[in-house]
């Protein structure tokens, strides 16, 4: 029982990247609508088009290794909708590989946005991950100041893509079977074989911290992009 109790906090840590990713959803929506208010119609359409195209391309790129082949990409503007709607039709054979693949394909835009900080700013990502491994309130300001310039650069260059990092209902529907299966397997495995999971606890801990650091940086970048555009909109209104 003691071994089982010691494993469950690690499983609970899995919820933190998921919660941080869920927080991205409303802020991505705010960023998307703010783009429409700040820029002219043609510029905002170009940014929305670019963001939607990138969103759909991430689906397509991740799909191919799983034997899921895109058949049609469609981008369109819908009256009453802020932004550009995109749909990607795919062809695949039902099976275990397609179950895993559809889950990965559905989550691709969000997953890539969450992993981008680790690839684009590895030093800042490592710095935040190191702090998360042993968090101390006294060292938090210095850590945030050290990564802030890179987060600002990431938010300034990537805001059209970050606005469309959120998953659509169809994306979430594609992810749910895989996510539910993995959660059931994890809960059953920890309850049945706690010693086995405890053996790999340090590796799992590092992976979760890695994911949490990436997600936190992406979340900060989205919020900063949104706040900067809101401030820009107020300045433009005051000038006019």
C-alpha atoms as a PDB file:
ATOM      1  CA  UNK A   1       0.000   0.000   0.000  1.00  0.00           C
ATOM      2  CA  UNK A   2       2.891   2.348   0.782  1.00  0.00           C
ATOM      3  CA  UNK A   3       4.303   1.812  -2.706  1.00  0.00           C
ATOM      4  CA  UNK A   4       0.929   2.478  -4.279  1.00  0.00           C
ATOM      5  CA  UNK A   5       0.480   5.706  -2.312  1.00  0.00           C
ATOM      6  CA  UNK A   6       3.939   6.891  -3.376  1.00  0.00           C
ATOM      7  CA  UNK A   7       3.133   6.373  -7.064  1.00  0.00           C
ATOM      8  CA  UNK A   8      -0.233   8.144  -7.227  1.00  0.00           C
ATOM      9  CA  UNK A   9       1.148  11.691  -6.652  1.00  0.00           C
ATOM     10  CA  UNK A  10       3.219  11.217  -9.801  1.00  0.00           C
ATOM     11  CA  UNK A  11       0.098  10.236 -11.731  1.00  0.00           C
ATOM     12  CA  UNK A  12      -1.619  13.328 -10.290  1.00  0.00           C
ATOM     13  CA  UNK A  13       1.249  15.419 -11.702  1.00  0.00           C
ATOM     14  CA  UNK A  14       0.073  14.310 -15.147  1.00  0.00           C
ATOM     15  CA  UNK A  15      -2.955  16.566 -14.678  1.00  0.00           C
ATOM     16  CA  UNK A  16      -0.833  19.727 -14.521  1.00  0.00           C
ATOM     17  CA  UNK A  17       0.228  19.840 -18.200  1.00  0.00           C
ATOM     18  CA  UNK A  18      -3.344  18.915 -19.153  1.00  0.00           C
ATOM     19  CA  UNK A  19      -4.744  21.771 -17.029  1.00  0.00           C
ATOM     20  CA  UNK A  20      -2.209  24.216 -18.462  1.00  0.00           C
ATOM     21  CA  UNK A  21      -3.095  23.068 -21.986  1.00  0.00           C
ATOM     22  CA  UNK A  22      -6.793  23.529 -21.194  1.00  0.00           C
ATOM     23  CA  UNK A  23      -6.071  27.101 -20.096  1.00  0.00           C
ATOM     24  CA  UNK A  24      -4.650  27.758 -23.552  1.00  0.00           C
ATOM     25  CA  UNK A  25      -8.090  27.275 -25.104  1.00  0.00           C
ATOM     26  CA  UNK A  26      -9.845  30.446 -23.875  1.00  0.00           C
ATOM     27  CA  UNK A  27      -6.752  32.622 -24.284  1.00  0.00           C
ATOM     28  CA  UNK A  28      -6.218  31.374 -27.853  1.00  0.00           C
ATOM     29  CA  UNK A  29      -9.832  32.346 -28.548  1.00  0.00           C
ATOM     30  CA  UNK A  30      -9.280  35.821 -27.085  1.00  0.00           C
ATOM     31  CA  UNK A  31      -6.111  36.225 -29.129  1.00  0.00           C
ATOM     32  CA  UNK A  32      -7.945  35.148 -32.287  1.00  0.00           C
ATOM     33  CA  UNK A  33     -10.752  37.678 -31.801  1.00  0.00           C
ATOM     34  CA  UNK A  34      -8.289  40.441 -30.866  1.00  0.00           C
ATOM     35  CA  UNK A  35      -6.427  39.944 -34.156  1.00  0.00           C
ATOM     36  CA  UNK A  36      -9.667  40.773 -35.962  1.00  0.00           C
ATOM     37  CA  UNK A  37     -10.158  43.968 -33.923  1.00  0.00           C
ATOM     38  CA  UNK A  38      -6.625  45.334 -34.100  1.00  0.00           C
ATOM     39  CA  UNK A  39      -5.645  44.819 -37.731  1.00  0.00           C
ATOM     40  CA  UNK A  40      -7.361  45.869 -40.931  1.00  0.00           C
ATOM     41  CA  UNK A  41      -9.665  43.379 -42.621  1.00  0.00           C
ATOM     42  CA  UNK A  42      -7.119  42.270 -45.213  1.00  0.00           C
ATOM     43  CA  UNK A  43      -4.265  41.924 -42.711  1.00  0.00           C
ATOM     44  CA  UNK A  44      -6.402  40.080 -40.172  1.00  0.00           C
ATOM     45  CA  UNK A  45      -7.692  37.753 -42.901  1.00  0.00           C
ATOM     46  CA  UNK A  46      -4.104  36.976 -43.946  1.00  0.00           C
ATOM     47  CA  UNK A  47      -3.121  36.242 -40.328  1.00  0.00           C
ATOM     48  CA  UNK A  48      -6.203  34.069 -39.756  1.00  0.00           C
ATOM     49  CA  UNK A  49      -5.581  32.244 -43.020  1.00  0.00           C
ATOM     50  CA  UNK A  50      -1.933  31.631 -42.118  1.00  0.00           C
ATOM     51  CA  UNK A  51      -2.851  30.391 -38.630  1.00  0.00           C
ATOM     52  CA  UNK A  52      -5.574  28.052 -39.899  1.00  0.00           C
ATOM     53  CA  UNK A  53      -3.343  26.713 -42.670  1.00  0.00           C
ATOM     54  CA  UNK A  54      -0.591  25.940 -40.163  1.00  0.00           C
ATOM     55  CA  UNK A  55      -3.146  24.287 -37.848  1.00  0.00           C
ATOM     56  CA  UNK A  56      -4.370  21.975 -40.606  1.00  0.00           C
ATOM     57  CA  UNK A  57      -0.866  21.244 -41.903  1.00  0.00           C
ATOM     58  CA  UNK A  58       0.215  20.012 -38.470  1.00  0.00           C
ATOM     59  CA  UNK A  59      -2.684  17.540 -38.621  1.00  0.00           C
ATOM     60  CA  UNK A  60      -1.573  16.353 -42.040  1.00  0.00           C
ATOM     61  CA  UNK A  61       2.122  16.046 -41.224  1.00  0.00           C
ATOM     62  CA  UNK A  62       1.494  14.001 -38.078  1.00  0.00           C
ATOM     63  CA  UNK A  63      -1.107  11.828 -39.844  1.00  0.00           C
ATOM     64  CA  UNK A  64       1.119  10.334 -42.551  1.00  0.00           C
ATOM     65  CA  UNK A  65       3.447   8.231 -40.321  1.00  0.00           C
ATOM     66  CA  UNK A  66       0.371   6.473 -38.887  1.00  0.00           C
ATOM     67  CA  UNK A  67      -0.935   5.494 -42.316  1.00  0.00           C
ATOM     68  CA  UNK A  68      -3.593   8.215 -42.208  1.00  0.00           C
ATOM     69  CA  UNK A  69      -3.552  10.020 -45.534  1.00  0.00           C
ATOM     70  CA  UNK A  70      -5.011  13.509 -46.094  1.00  0.00           C
ATOM     71  CA  UNK A  71      -7.352  13.632 -49.073  1.00  0.00           C
ATOM     72  CA  UNK A  72      -8.639  17.217 -49.065  1.00  0.00           C
ATOM     73  CA  UNK A  73      -7.819  20.502 -47.339  1.00  0.00           C
ATOM     74  CA  UNK A  74     -10.440  23.240 -47.300  1.00  0.00           C
ATOM     75  CA  UNK A  75     -10.131  26.756 -45.878  1.00  0.00           C
ATOM     76  CA  UNK A  76     -13.099  29.102 -45.857  1.00  0.00           C
ATOM     77  CA  UNK A  77     -14.533  32.198 -44.223  1.00  0.00           C
ATOM     78  CA  UNK A  78     -17.932  31.735 -42.625  1.00  0.00           C
ATOM     79  CA  UNK A  79     -20.228  34.753 -42.041  1.00  0.00           C
ATOM     80  CA  UNK A  80     -20.470  35.549 -38.355  1.00  0.00           C
ATOM     81  CA  UNK A  81     -17.265  33.664 -37.498  1.00  0.00           C
ATOM     82  CA  UNK A  82     -14.093  35.512 -36.547  1.00  0.00           C
ATOM     83  CA  UNK A  83     -11.281  33.855 -38.403  1.00  0.00           C
ATOM     84  CA  UNK A  84     -10.962  31.182 -41.042  1.00  0.00           C
ATOM     85  CA  UNK A  85     -12.420  27.693 -40.737  1.00  0.00           C
ATOM     86  CA  UNK A  86     -10.362  24.772 -41.949  1.00  0.00           C
ATOM     87  CA  UNK A  87     -11.208  21.121 -42.562  1.00  0.00           C
ATOM     88  CA  UNK A  88      -8.872  18.260 -43.408  1.00  0.00           C
ATOM     89  CA  UNK A  89     -10.409  15.088 -44.770  1.00  0.00           C
ATOM     90  CA  UNK A  90      -8.398  11.895 -44.219  1.00  0.00           C
ATOM     91  CA  UNK A  91      -8.475   8.275 -45.348  1.00  0.00           C
ATOM     92  CA  UNK A  92      -7.408   5.381 -43.116  1.00  0.00           C
ATOM     93  CA  UNK A  93      -8.133   1.766 -42.149  1.00  0.00           C
ATOM     94  CA  UNK A  94      -9.602   1.199 -38.708  1.00  0.00           C
ATOM     95  CA  UNK A  95      -7.284  -0.528 -36.256  1.00  0.00           C
ATOM     96  CA  UNK A  96      -4.988  -0.047 -33.276  1.00  0.00           C
ATOM     97  CA  UNK A  97      -2.532   2.057 -35.282  1.00  0.00           C
ATOM     98  CA  UNK A  98      -5.292   4.343 -36.511  1.00  0.00           C
ATOM     99  CA  UNK A  99      -6.652   4.684 -32.944  1.00  0.00           C
ATOM    100  CA  UNK A 100      -3.258   5.891 -31.737  1.00  0.00           C
ATOM    101  CA  UNK A 101      -2.766   7.917 -34.907  1.00  0.00           C
ATOM    102  CA  UNK A 102      -6.088   9.751 -34.750  1.00  0.00           C
ATOM    103  CA  UNK A 103      -5.375  10.722 -31.149  1.00  0.00           C
ATOM    104  CA  UNK A 104      -1.973  12.107 -32.119  1.00  0.00           C
ATOM    105  CA  UNK A 105      -3.348  13.773 -35.259  1.00  0.00           C
ATOM    106  CA  UNK A 106      -6.201  15.419 -33.366  1.00  0.00           C
ATOM    107  CA  UNK A 107      -3.865  16.866 -30.738  1.00  0.00           C
ATOM    108  CA  UNK A 108      -1.101  17.840 -33.191  1.00  0.00           C
ATOM    109  CA  UNK A 109      -1.595  21.659 -33.240  1.00  0.00           C
ATOM    110  CA  UNK A 110      -1.687  21.862 -29.446  1.00  0.00           C
ATOM    111  CA  UNK A 111       1.128  19.344 -28.950  1.00  0.00           C
ATOM    112  CA  UNK A 112       3.437  21.107 -31.408  1.00  0.00           C
ATOM    113  CA  UNK A 113       2.683  24.496 -29.842  1.00  0.00           C
ATOM    114  CA  UNK A 114       3.509  23.026 -26.438  1.00  0.00           C
ATOM    115  CA  UNK A 115       6.774  21.474 -27.683  1.00  0.00           C
ATOM    116  CA  UNK A 116       7.885  24.500 -29.713  1.00  0.00           C
ATOM    117  CA  UNK A 117       9.462  26.344 -26.728  1.00  0.00           C
ATOM    118  CA  UNK A 118      11.690  23.346 -25.972  1.00  0.00           C
ATOM    119  CA  UNK A 119      12.927  23.333 -29.577  1.00  0.00           C
ATOM    120  CA  UNK A 120      13.150  27.085 -30.161  1.00  0.00           C
ATOM    121  CA  UNK A 121      14.473  28.205 -26.761  1.00  0.00           C
ATOM    122  CA  UNK A 122      16.119  25.167 -25.119  1.00  0.00           C
ATOM    123  CA  UNK A 123      18.083  27.205 -22.559  1.00  0.00           C
ATOM    124  CA  UNK A 124      15.021  29.036 -21.261  1.00  0.00           C
ATOM    125  CA  UNK A 125      13.018  25.839 -21.285  1.00  0.00           C
ATOM    126  CA  UNK A 126      15.712  24.003 -19.312  1.00  0.00           C
ATOM    127  CA  UNK A 127      15.903  26.890 -16.840  1.00  0.00           C
ATOM    128  CA  UNK A 128      12.168  26.766 -16.153  1.00  0.00           C
ATOM    129  CA  UNK A 129      12.159  22.955 -16.021  1.00  0.00           C
ATOM    130  CA  UNK A 130      14.983  23.045 -13.467  1.00  0.00           C
ATOM    131  CA  UNK A 131      13.000  25.482 -11.315  1.00  0.00           C
ATOM    132  CA  UNK A 132       9.882  23.292 -11.560  1.00  0.00           C
ATOM    133  CA  UNK A 133      11.835  20.282 -10.303  1.00  0.00           C
ATOM    134  CA  UNK A 134      12.623  22.157  -7.088  1.00  0.00           C
ATOM    135  CA  UNK A 135      10.321  25.201  -6.965  1.00  0.00           C
ATOM    136  CA  UNK A 136      11.200  27.987  -4.548  1.00  0.00           C
ATOM    137  CA  UNK A 137       9.295  31.262  -4.431  1.00  0.00           C
ATOM    138  CA  UNK A 138      12.494  33.211  -3.790  1.00  0.00           C
ATOM    139  CA  UNK A 139      14.093  32.182  -7.088  1.00  0.00           C
ATOM    140  CA  UNK A 140      10.931  32.562  -9.195  1.00  0.00           C
ATOM    141  CA  UNK A 141      11.396  36.273 -10.119  1.00  0.00           C
ATOM    142  CA  UNK A 142      14.956  35.679 -11.354  1.00  0.00           C
ATOM    143  CA  UNK A 143      13.824  32.666 -13.365  1.00  0.00           C
ATOM    144  CA  UNK A 144      10.971  34.575 -14.988  1.00  0.00           C
ATOM    145  CA  UNK A 145      13.216  37.546 -15.798  1.00  0.00           C
ATOM    146  CA  UNK A 146      15.732  35.210 -17.437  1.00  0.00           C
ATOM    147  CA  UNK A 147      13.168  33.601 -19.751  1.00  0.00           C
ATOM    148  CA  UNK A 148      11.039  36.710 -20.363  1.00  0.00           C
ATOM    149  CA  UNK A 149      12.967  38.059 -23.413  1.00  0.00           C
ATOM    150  CA  UNK A 150      12.671  34.715 -25.190  1.00  0.00           C
ATOM    151  CA  UNK A 151       8.981  34.383 -24.331  1.00  0.00           C
ATOM    152  CA  UNK A 152       8.355  37.894 -25.703  1.00  0.00           C
ATOM    153  CA  UNK A 153      10.185  36.984 -28.921  1.00  0.00           C
ATOM    154  CA  UNK A 154       8.208  33.753 -29.196  1.00  0.00           C
ATOM    155  CA  UNK A 155       4.905  35.556 -28.626  1.00  0.00           C
ATOM    156  CA  UNK A 156       5.754  38.373 -31.048  1.00  0.00           C
ATOM    157  CA  UNK A 157       6.748  36.125 -33.934  1.00  0.00           C
ATOM    158  CA  UNK A 158       4.339  33.279 -33.314  1.00  0.00           C
ATOM    159  CA  UNK A 159       1.058  34.927 -32.332  1.00  0.00           C
ATOM    160  CA  UNK A 160      -0.813  34.013 -35.568  1.00  0.00           C
ATOM    161  CA  UNK A 161       0.063  30.355 -34.976  1.00  0.00           C
ATOM    162  CA  UNK A 162      -0.545  30.459 -31.226  1.00  0.00           C
ATOM    163  CA  UNK A 163      -4.045  31.841 -31.848  1.00  0.00           C
ATOM    164  CA  UNK A 164      -4.890  28.626 -33.676  1.00  0.00           C
ATOM    165  CA  UNK A 165      -3.161  26.204 -31.313  1.00  0.00           C
ATOM    166  CA  UNK A 166      -6.503  25.412 -29.692  1.00  0.00           C
ATOM    167  CA  UNK A 167      -8.311  22.245 -30.720  1.00  0.00           C
ATOM    168  CA  UNK A 168     -11.664  22.220 -32.463  1.00  0.00           C
ATOM    169  CA  UNK A 169     -14.529  19.988 -31.384  1.00  0.00           C
ATOM    170  CA  UNK A 170     -13.597  17.538 -34.140  1.00  0.00           C
ATOM    171  CA  UNK A 171      -9.987  17.509 -32.890  1.00  0.00           C
ATOM    172  CA  UNK A 172     -11.079  16.831 -29.309  1.00  0.00           C
ATOM    173  CA  UNK A 173     -13.429  14.087 -30.488  1.00  0.00           C
ATOM    174  CA  UNK A 174     -10.513  12.428 -32.299  1.00  0.00           C
ATOM    175  CA  UNK A 175      -8.310  12.651 -29.181  1.00  0.00           C
ATOM    176  CA  UNK A 176     -10.786  11.356 -26.597  1.00  0.00           C
ATOM    177  CA  UNK A 177     -10.624   7.592 -27.397  1.00  0.00           C
ATOM    178  CA  UNK A 178      -6.829   7.523 -27.122  1.00  0.00           C
ATOM    179  CA  UNK A 179      -6.759   9.740 -24.015  1.00  0.00           C
ATOM    180  CA  UNK A 180      -9.417   7.654 -22.267  1.00  0.00           C
ATOM    181  CA  UNK A 181      -7.595   4.424 -23.158  1.00  0.00           C
ATOM    182  CA  UNK A 182      -4.271   5.725 -21.835  1.00  0.00           C
ATOM    183  CA  UNK A 183      -5.848   6.934 -18.575  1.00  0.00           C
ATOM    184  CA  UNK A 184      -7.541   3.561 -18.010  1.00  0.00           C
ATOM    185  CA  UNK A 185      -4.289   1.691 -18.722  1.00  0.00           C
ATOM    186  CA  UNK A 186      -2.325   4.014 -16.425  1.00  0.00           C
ATOM    187  CA  UNK A 187      -4.800   3.709 -13.545  1.00  0.00           C
ATOM    188  CA  UNK A 188      -5.059  -0.072 -13.928  1.00  0.00           C
ATOM    189  CA  UNK A 189      -1.305  -0.468 -14.220  1.00  0.00           C
ATOM    190  CA  UNK A 190      -0.511   1.670 -11.181  1.00  0.00           C
ATOM    191  CA  UNK A 191      -3.133  -0.128  -9.092  1.00  0.00           C
ATOM    192  CA  UNK A 192      -2.013  -3.590 -10.204  1.00  0.00           C
ATOM    193  CA  UNK A 193       1.750  -3.202 -10.642  1.00  0.00           C
ATOM    194  CA  UNK A 194       2.810  -0.250  -8.440  1.00  0.00           C
ATOM    195  CA  UNK A 195       6.369  -1.546  -8.016  1.00  0.00           C
ATOM    196  CA  UNK A 196       6.911  -1.588 -11.789  1.00  0.00           C
ATOM    197  CA  UNK A 197       5.692   1.987 -12.187  1.00  0.00           C
ATOM    198  CA  UNK A 198       7.713   3.103  -9.178  1.00  0.00           C
ATOM    199  CA  UNK A 199      10.880   1.822 -10.865  1.00  0.00           C
ATOM    200  CA  UNK A 200      10.354   4.260 -13.750  1.00  0.00           C
ATOM    201  CA  UNK A 201       9.079   7.105 -11.571  1.00  0.00           C
ATOM    202  CA  UNK A 202      12.128   9.384 -12.052  1.00  0.00           C
ATOM    203  CA  UNK A 203      11.943   9.123 -15.854  1.00  0.00           C
ATOM    204  CA  UNK A 204       8.194   9.794 -15.883  1.00  0.00           C
ATOM    205  CA  UNK A 205       8.697  12.725 -13.506  1.00  0.00           C
ATOM    206  CA  UNK A 206      11.252  14.334 -15.847  1.00  0.00           C
ATOM    207  CA  UNK A 207       8.984  13.868 -18.869  1.00  0.00           C
ATOM    208  CA  UNK A 208       6.053  15.500 -17.064  1.00  0.00           C
ATOM    209  CA  UNK A 209       8.215  18.401 -15.869  1.00  0.00           C
ATOM    210  CA  UNK A 210       9.493  18.806 -19.440  1.00  0.00           C
ATOM    211  CA  UNK A 211       5.914  18.938 -20.753  1.00  0.00           C
ATOM    212  CA  UNK A 212       4.795  21.303 -17.992  1.00  0.00           C
ATOM    213  CA  UNK A 213       7.647  23.742 -18.680  1.00  0.00           C
ATOM    214  CA  UNK A 214       6.859  23.811 -22.416  1.00  0.00           C
ATOM    215  CA  UNK A 215       3.149  24.275 -21.778  1.00  0.00           C
ATOM    216  CA  UNK A 216       3.767  27.061 -19.268  1.00  0.00           C
ATOM    217  CA  UNK A 217       5.959  28.972 -21.751  1.00  0.00           C
ATOM    218  CA  UNK A 218       3.343  28.581 -24.506  1.00  0.00           C
ATOM    219  CA  UNK A 219       0.633  29.781 -22.122  1.00  0.00           C
ATOM    220  CA  UNK A 220       2.708  32.821 -21.130  1.00  0.00           C
ATOM    221  CA  UNK A 221       3.367  33.597 -24.809  1.00  0.00           C
ATOM    222  CA  UNK A 222      -0.345  33.431 -25.692  1.00  0.00           C
ATOM    223  CA  UNK A 223      -1.301  35.689 -22.769  1.00  0.00           C
ATOM    224  CA  UNK A 224       1.452  38.183 -23.627  1.00  0.00           C
ATOM    225  CA  UNK A 225       0.394  38.259 -27.288  1.00  0.00           C
ATOM    226  CA  UNK A 226      -3.214  38.870 -26.308  1.00  0.00           C
ATOM    227  CA  UNK A 227      -2.316  41.617 -23.801  1.00  0.00           C
ATOM    228  CA  UNK A 228      -0.009  43.335 -26.309  1.00  0.00           C
ATOM    229  CA  UNK A 229      -2.708  43.377 -28.997  1.00  0.00           C
ATOM    230  CA  UNK A 230      -5.327  44.644 -26.526  1.00  0.00           C
ATOM    231  CA  UNK A 231      -2.952  47.457 -25.551  1.00  0.00           C
ATOM    232  CA  UNK A 232      -2.312  48.199 -29.240  1.00  0.00           C
ATOM    233  CA  UNK A 233      -6.053  48.376 -29.886  1.00  0.00           C
ATOM    234  CA  UNK A 234      -6.560  50.866 -27.046  1.00  0.00           C
ATOM    235  CA  UNK A 235      -3.698  53.040 -28.270  1.00  0.00           C
ATOM    236  CA  UNK A 236      -5.116  53.075 -31.811  1.00  0.00           C
ATOM    237  CA  UNK A 237      -8.553  54.035 -30.505  1.00  0.00           C
ATOM    238  CA  UNK A 238      -7.123  56.866 -28.420  1.00  0.00           C
ATOM    239  CA  UNK A 239      -5.179  58.207 -31.396  1.00  0.00           C
ATOM    240  CA  UNK A 240      -8.242  58.140 -33.619  1.00  0.00           C
END
